[in-house]
C-alpha atoms as a PDB file:
ATOM      1  CA  MET A   1     -95.742  60.546 123.122  1.00  0.00           C
ATOM      2  CA  ASN A   2     -97.192  57.061 123.306  1.00  0.00           C
ATOM      3  CA  ILE A   3     -97.956  55.855 119.758  1.00  0.00           C
ATOM      4  CA  LEU A   4    -101.475  54.662 120.672  1.00  0.00           C
ATOM      5  CA  LEU A   5    -102.289  58.039 122.214  1.00  0.00           C
ATOM      6  CA  GLU A   6    -100.915  59.828 119.150  1.00  0.00           C
ATOM      7  CA  LEU A   7    -102.944  57.593 116.811  1.00  0.00           C
ATOM      8  CA  GLY A   8    -106.077  58.130 118.902  1.00  0.00           C
ATOM      9  CA  LEU A   9    -105.732  61.909 118.979  1.00  0.00           C
ATOM     10  CA  TYR A  10    -104.889  62.231 115.298  1.00  0.00           C
ATOM     11  CA  PHE A  11    -107.631  59.909 114.044  1.00  0.00           C
ATOM     12  CA  SER A  12    -110.134  61.633 116.372  1.00  0.00           C
ATOM     13  CA  LEU A  13    -109.281  64.902 114.655  1.00  0.00           C
ATOM     14  CA  LEU A  14    -109.683  63.278 111.226  1.00  0.00           C
ATOM     15  CA  SER A  15    -113.023  61.896 112.379  1.00  0.00           C
ATOM     16  CA  LEU A  16    -114.318  65.407 112.980  1.00  0.00           C
ATOM     17  CA  LEU A  17    -113.041  66.600 109.593  1.00  0.00           C
ATOM     18  CA  SER A  18    -114.358  63.685 107.542  1.00  0.00           C
ATOM     19  CA  VAL A  19    -117.381  65.422 106.065  1.00  0.00           C
ATOM     20  CA  GLY A  20    -118.314  63.189 103.156  1.00  0.00           C
ATOM     21  CA  GLY A  21    -116.749  60.072 104.630  1.00  0.00           C
ATOM     22  CA  MET A  22    -113.261  58.633 104.536  1.00  0.00           C
ATOM     23  CA  PRO A  23    -112.388  59.725 100.990  1.00  0.00           C
ATOM     24  CA  SER A  24    -112.530  63.334 102.156  1.00  0.00           C
ATOM     25  CA  VAL A  25    -109.635  62.854 104.604  1.00  0.00           C
ATOM     26  CA  ILE A  26    -107.536  60.325 102.678  1.00  0.00           C
ATOM     27  CA  GLY A  27    -105.136  63.025 101.488  1.00  0.00           C
ATOM     28  CA  GLU A  28    -104.460  64.300 104.988  1.00  0.00           C
ATOM     29  CA  MET A  29    -104.243  60.764 106.387  1.00  0.00           C
ATOM     30  CA  HIS A  30    -101.652  59.909 103.729  1.00  0.00           C
ATOM     31  CA  ARG A  31     -99.680  63.075 104.442  1.00  0.00           C
ATOM     32  CA  TYR A  32     -99.472  62.271 108.131  1.00  0.00           C
ATOM     33  CA  VAL A  33     -98.846  58.513 108.277  1.00  0.00           C
ATOM     34  CA  VAL A  34     -96.675  58.257 105.123  1.00  0.00           C
ATOM     35  CA  GLU A  35     -94.953  61.593 104.577  1.00  0.00           C
ATOM     36  CA  SER A  36     -94.814  63.208 108.012  1.00  0.00           C
ATOM     37  CA  ARG A  37     -94.423  60.254 110.382  1.00  0.00           C
ATOM     38  CA  GLY A  38     -93.061  57.632 107.952  1.00  0.00           C
ATOM     39  CA  TRP A  39     -94.969  54.858 109.701  1.00  0.00           C
ATOM     40  CA  ILE A  40     -95.984  53.139 106.460  1.00  0.00           C
ATOM     41  CA  SER A  41     -94.925  53.294 102.816  1.00  0.00           C
ATOM     42  CA  HIS A  42     -96.950  54.852 100.008  1.00  0.00           C
ATOM     43  CA  ASN A  43     -97.497  51.424  98.445  1.00  0.00           C
ATOM     44  CA  ASP A  44     -98.767  49.994 101.743  1.00  0.00           C
ATOM     45  CA  PHE A  45    -101.144  52.945 102.047  1.00  0.00           C
ATOM     46  CA  ILE A  46    -102.498  52.400  98.517  1.00  0.00           C
ATOM     47  CA  GLU A  47    -102.990  48.685  99.207  1.00  0.00           C
ATOM     48  CA  MET A  48    -104.814  49.417 102.474  1.00  0.00           C
ATOM     49  CA  PHE A  49    -106.997  51.980 100.716  1.00  0.00           C
ATOM     50  CA  ALA A  50    -107.892  49.449  98.000  1.00  0.00           C
ATOM     51  CA  LEU A  51    -108.658  46.749 100.578  1.00  0.00           C
ATOM     52  CA  GLY A  52    -110.770  49.170 102.631  1.00  0.00           C
ATOM     53  CA  GLN A  53    -112.750  50.119  99.527  1.00  0.00           C
ATOM     54  CA  ALA A  54    -113.201  46.550  98.293  1.00  0.00           C
ATOM     55  CA  ALA A  55    -114.158  44.995 101.629  1.00  0.00           C
ATOM     56  CA  PRO A  56    -117.840  44.798 102.491  1.00  0.00           C
ATOM     57  CA  GLY A  57    -118.956  47.398 104.968  1.00  0.00           C
ATOM     58  CA  PRO A  58    -117.914  50.966 105.564  1.00  0.00           C
ATOM     59  CA  ASN A  59    -114.742  52.309 103.990  1.00  0.00           C
ATOM     60  CA  VAL A  60    -113.626  53.480 107.436  1.00  0.00           C
ATOM     61  CA  LEU A  61    -111.904  50.097 107.630  1.00  0.00           C
ATOM     62  CA  ILE A  62    -108.761  51.715 106.203  1.00  0.00           C
ATOM     63  CA  SER A  63    -108.237  53.401 109.560  1.00  0.00           C
ATOM     64  CA  SER A  64    -108.115  50.065 111.370  1.00  0.00           C
ATOM     65  CA  LEU A  65    -105.757  48.639 108.733  1.00  0.00           C
ATOM     66  CA  ILE A  66    -103.406  51.593 109.214  1.00  0.00           C
ATOM     67  CA  GLY A  67    -103.602  51.269 112.993  1.00  0.00           C
ATOM     68  CA  TRP A  68    -102.911  47.532 112.734  1.00  0.00           C
ATOM     69  CA  LYS A  69     -99.880  48.102 110.472  1.00  0.00           C
ATOM     70  CA  ILE A  70     -98.464  50.716 112.874  1.00  0.00           C
ATOM     71  CA  ALA A  71     -99.264  49.234 116.308  1.00  0.00           C
ATOM     72  CA  GLY A  72    -100.860  45.818 115.876  1.00  0.00           C
ATOM     73  CA  VAL A  73    -104.311  44.909 117.179  1.00  0.00           C
ATOM     74  CA  PRO A  74    -104.338  47.678 119.838  1.00  0.00           C
ATOM     75  CA  GLY A  75    -103.552  50.200 117.085  1.00  0.00           C
ATOM     76  CA  ALA A  76    -106.400  48.861 114.947  1.00  0.00           C
ATOM     77  CA  LEU A  77    -108.871  49.164 117.821  1.00  0.00           C
ATOM     78  CA  VAL A  78    -107.699  52.663 118.782  1.00  0.00           C
ATOM     79  CA  THR A  79    -107.804  54.070 115.241  1.00  0.00           C
ATOM     80  CA  LEU A  80    -111.196  52.547 114.476  1.00  0.00           C
ATOM     81  CA  ALA A  81    -112.694  53.841 117.743  1.00  0.00           C
ATOM     82  CA  ALA A  82    -111.111  57.255 117.140  1.00  0.00           C
ATOM     83  CA  MET A  83    -112.556  57.458 113.611  1.00  0.00           C
ATOM     84  CA  CYS A  84    -116.045  56.358 114.629  1.00  0.00           C
ATOM     85  CA  GLY A  85    -116.498  57.823 118.122  1.00  0.00           C
ATOM     86  CA  PRO A  86    -116.143  61.593 117.721  1.00  0.00           C
ATOM     87  CA  ALA A  87    -117.957  61.682 114.366  1.00  0.00           C
ATOM     88  CA  GLY A  88    -120.785  59.561 115.769  1.00  0.00           C
ATOM     89  CA  VAL A  89    -121.264  61.838 118.783  1.00  0.00           C
ATOM     90  CA  LEU A  90    -121.078  64.973 116.622  1.00  0.00           C
ATOM     91  CA  SER A  91    -123.524  63.508 114.084  1.00  0.00           C
ATOM     92  CA  PHE A  92    -126.000  62.712 116.828  1.00  0.00           C
ATOM     93  CA  TRP A  93    -125.833  66.272 118.139  1.00  0.00           C
ATOM     94  CA  VAL A  94    -125.940  67.900 114.676  1.00  0.00           C
ATOM     95  CA  ALA A  95    -128.954  65.783 113.667  1.00  0.00           C
ATOM     96  CA  GLY A  96    -130.969  67.382 116.467  1.00  0.00           C
ATOM     97  CA  VAL A  97    -129.879  70.886 115.508  1.00  0.00           C
ATOM     98  CA  TRP A  98    -130.454  70.147 111.810  1.00  0.00           C
ATOM     99  CA  GLU A  99    -134.004  69.023 112.562  1.00  0.00           C
ATOM    100  CA  ARG A 100    -134.742  72.223 114.488  1.00  0.00           C
ATOM    101  CA  LEU A 101    -133.416  74.348 111.602  1.00  0.00           C
ATOM    102  CA  GLN A 102    -135.647  72.704 108.996  1.00  0.00           C
ATOM    103  CA  GLY A 103    -137.116  75.294 106.659  1.00  0.00           C
ATOM    104  CA  THR A 104    -134.686  78.072 107.625  1.00  0.00           C
ATOM    105  CA  ALA A 105    -132.573  80.037 105.146  1.00  0.00           C
ATOM    106  CA  TRP A 106    -129.403  79.159 107.070  1.00  0.00           C
ATOM    107  CA  ARG A 107    -129.966  75.428 106.554  1.00  0.00           C
ATOM    108  CA  ALA A 108    -130.470  75.867 102.809  1.00  0.00           C
ATOM    109  CA  VAL A 109    -127.221  77.849 102.535  1.00  0.00           C
ATOM    110  CA  ALA A 110    -125.324  75.236 104.557  1.00  0.00           C
ATOM    111  CA  GLN A 111    -126.641  72.426 102.337  1.00  0.00           C
ATOM    112  CA  ARG A 112    -125.568  74.227  99.154  1.00  0.00           C
ATOM    113  CA  ALA A 113    -122.108  74.924 100.611  1.00  0.00           C
ATOM    114  CA  MET A 114    -121.439  71.328 101.628  1.00  0.00           C
ATOM    115  CA  ALA A 115    -121.574  69.762  98.170  1.00  0.00           C
ATOM    116  CA  PRO A 116    -118.577  71.621  96.649  1.00  0.00           C
ATOM    117  CA  MET A 117    -116.622  71.233  99.878  1.00  0.00           C
ATOM    118  CA  VAL A 118    -117.102  67.463  99.926  1.00  0.00           C
ATOM    119  CA  VAL A 119    -116.272  67.170  96.211  1.00  0.00           C
ATOM    120  CA  GLY A 120    -113.068  69.177  96.749  1.00  0.00           C
ATOM    121  CA  LEU A 121    -112.014  67.034  99.706  1.00  0.00           C
ATOM    122  CA  ILE A 122    -112.641  63.817  97.779  1.00  0.00           C
ATOM    123  CA  LEU A 123    -110.767  65.124  94.720  1.00  0.00           C
ATOM    124  CA  SER A 124    -107.797  66.038  96.913  1.00  0.00           C
ATOM    125  CA  GLY A 125    -107.708  62.450  98.209  1.00  0.00           C
ATOM    126  CA  GLY A 126    -107.796  61.145  94.638  1.00  0.00           C
ATOM    127  CA  PHE A 127    -104.975  63.501  93.700  1.00  0.00           C
ATOM    128  CA  VAL A 128    -102.795  62.158  96.514  1.00  0.00           C
ATOM    129  CA  LEU A 129    -103.487  58.562  95.511  1.00  0.00           C
ATOM    130  CA  ALA A 130    -102.694  59.265  91.831  1.00  0.00           C
ATOM    131  CA  THR A 131     -99.395  61.051  92.552  1.00  0.00           C
ATOM    132  CA  PRO A 132     -97.168  58.580  94.404  1.00  0.00           C
ATOM    133  CA  GLY A 133     -94.063  60.222  95.767  1.00  0.00           C
ATOM    134  CA  GLY A 134     -95.340  63.628  94.617  1.00  0.00           C
ATOM    135  CA  ALA A 135     -94.741  62.882  90.920  1.00  0.00           C
ATOM    136  CA  PRO A 136     -97.803  62.443  88.693  1.00  0.00           C
ATOM    137  CA  ASP A 137     -98.107  59.013  87.098  1.00  0.00           C
ATOM    138  CA  TRP A 138    -100.101  59.251  83.849  1.00  0.00           C
ATOM    139  CA  ARG A 139    -101.195  55.617  84.168  1.00  0.00           C
ATOM    140  CA  LEU A 140    -102.881  56.267  87.518  1.00  0.00           C
ATOM    141  CA  TRP A 141    -104.472  59.430  86.107  1.00  0.00           C
ATOM    142  CA  ILE A 142    -105.910  57.444  83.181  1.00  0.00           C
ATOM    143  CA  ILE A 143    -107.396  54.868  85.553  1.00  0.00           C
ATOM    144  CA  ALA A 144    -108.834  57.624  87.785  1.00  0.00           C
ATOM    145  CA  ALA A 145    -110.282  59.570  84.840  1.00  0.00           C
ATOM    146  CA  GLY A 146    -111.798  56.427  83.338  1.00  0.00           C
ATOM    147  CA  SER A 147    -113.357  55.495  86.661  1.00  0.00           C
ATOM    148  CA  ALA A 148    -114.769  58.992  87.163  1.00  0.00           C
ATOM    149  CA  TRP A 149    -116.195  59.000  83.638  1.00  0.00           C
ATOM    150  CA  ALA A 150    -117.778  55.567  84.145  1.00  0.00           C
ATOM    151  CA  MET A 151    -119.375  56.666  87.431  1.00  0.00           C
ATOM    152  CA  VAL A 152    -120.941  59.719  85.796  1.00  0.00           C
ATOM    153  CA  ALA A 153    -121.827  58.317  82.365  1.00  0.00           C
ATOM    154  CA  THR A 154    -123.063  54.824  83.196  1.00  0.00           C
ATOM    155  CA  LYS A 155    -125.211  53.048  85.715  1.00  0.00           C
ATOM    156  CA  LEU A 156    -122.667  50.282  86.238  1.00  0.00           C
ATOM    157  CA  ASN A 157    -122.238  48.786  89.653  1.00  0.00           C
ATOM    158  CA  PRO A 158    -119.054  50.279  91.211  1.00  0.00           C
ATOM    159  CA  LEU A 159    -117.689  46.757  91.717  1.00  0.00           C
ATOM    160  CA  TRP A 160    -117.378  46.433  87.917  1.00  0.00           C
ATOM    161  CA  MET A 161    -115.372  49.664  87.867  1.00  0.00           C
ATOM    162  CA  LEU A 162    -113.213  48.374  90.699  1.00  0.00           C
ATOM    163  CA  ALA A 163    -112.552  45.194  88.716  1.00  0.00           C
ATOM    164  CA  ALA A 164    -111.789  47.212  85.561  1.00  0.00           C
ATOM    165  CA  GLY A 165    -109.442  49.463  87.541  1.00  0.00           C
ATOM    166  CA  ALA A 166    -107.670  46.430  88.963  1.00  0.00           C
ATOM    167  CA  ALA A 167    -107.275  44.950  85.481  1.00  0.00           C
ATOM    168  CA  ALA A 168    -106.027  48.278  84.108  1.00  0.00           C
ATOM    169  CA  GLY A 169    -103.594  48.598  87.002  1.00  0.00           C
ATOM    170  CA  ALA A 170    -102.288  45.082  86.453  1.00  0.00           C
ATOM    171  CA  THR A 171    -101.809  45.839  82.764  1.00  0.00           C
ATOM    172  CA  LEU A 172    -100.431  49.391  82.946  1.00  0.00           C
ATOM    173  CA  LEU A 173     -98.459  49.250  86.156  1.00  0.00           C
END
């Protein structure tokens, strides 16, 4: 299969599964492009994830970085369009349905069910990022736990936590 077509189809599927944003599908994205297809290394994936998180704008930028690494500029354009297009169309449609269901019991149940699902998806992505090569690295777990604690316990701007994580990574790793 043509690599651009494969990237487009796969990232379109991820787009429809990305409830909660990119962090919710990071684990599956890593599994596919690093472990299953071997298109990029784990370290490259981690660096692209960090760059996508640190860059201004939406964190969906990681998809274009992965596409660029795999297939150049056409790959970047295909993966970005595939991540944004299907989710955008679905969101537009769901917003209309969601508005019509306002005040119904079904909507309240759906809202309560989404929070734990999104948290679980995001935690699975964090787990993948903190276990390079499938083996847990206590240093990455310490950085992740410290970041999670700081997010919950303080009102610090996340950029300070990103800087602290970078400093801890430079020191520990």
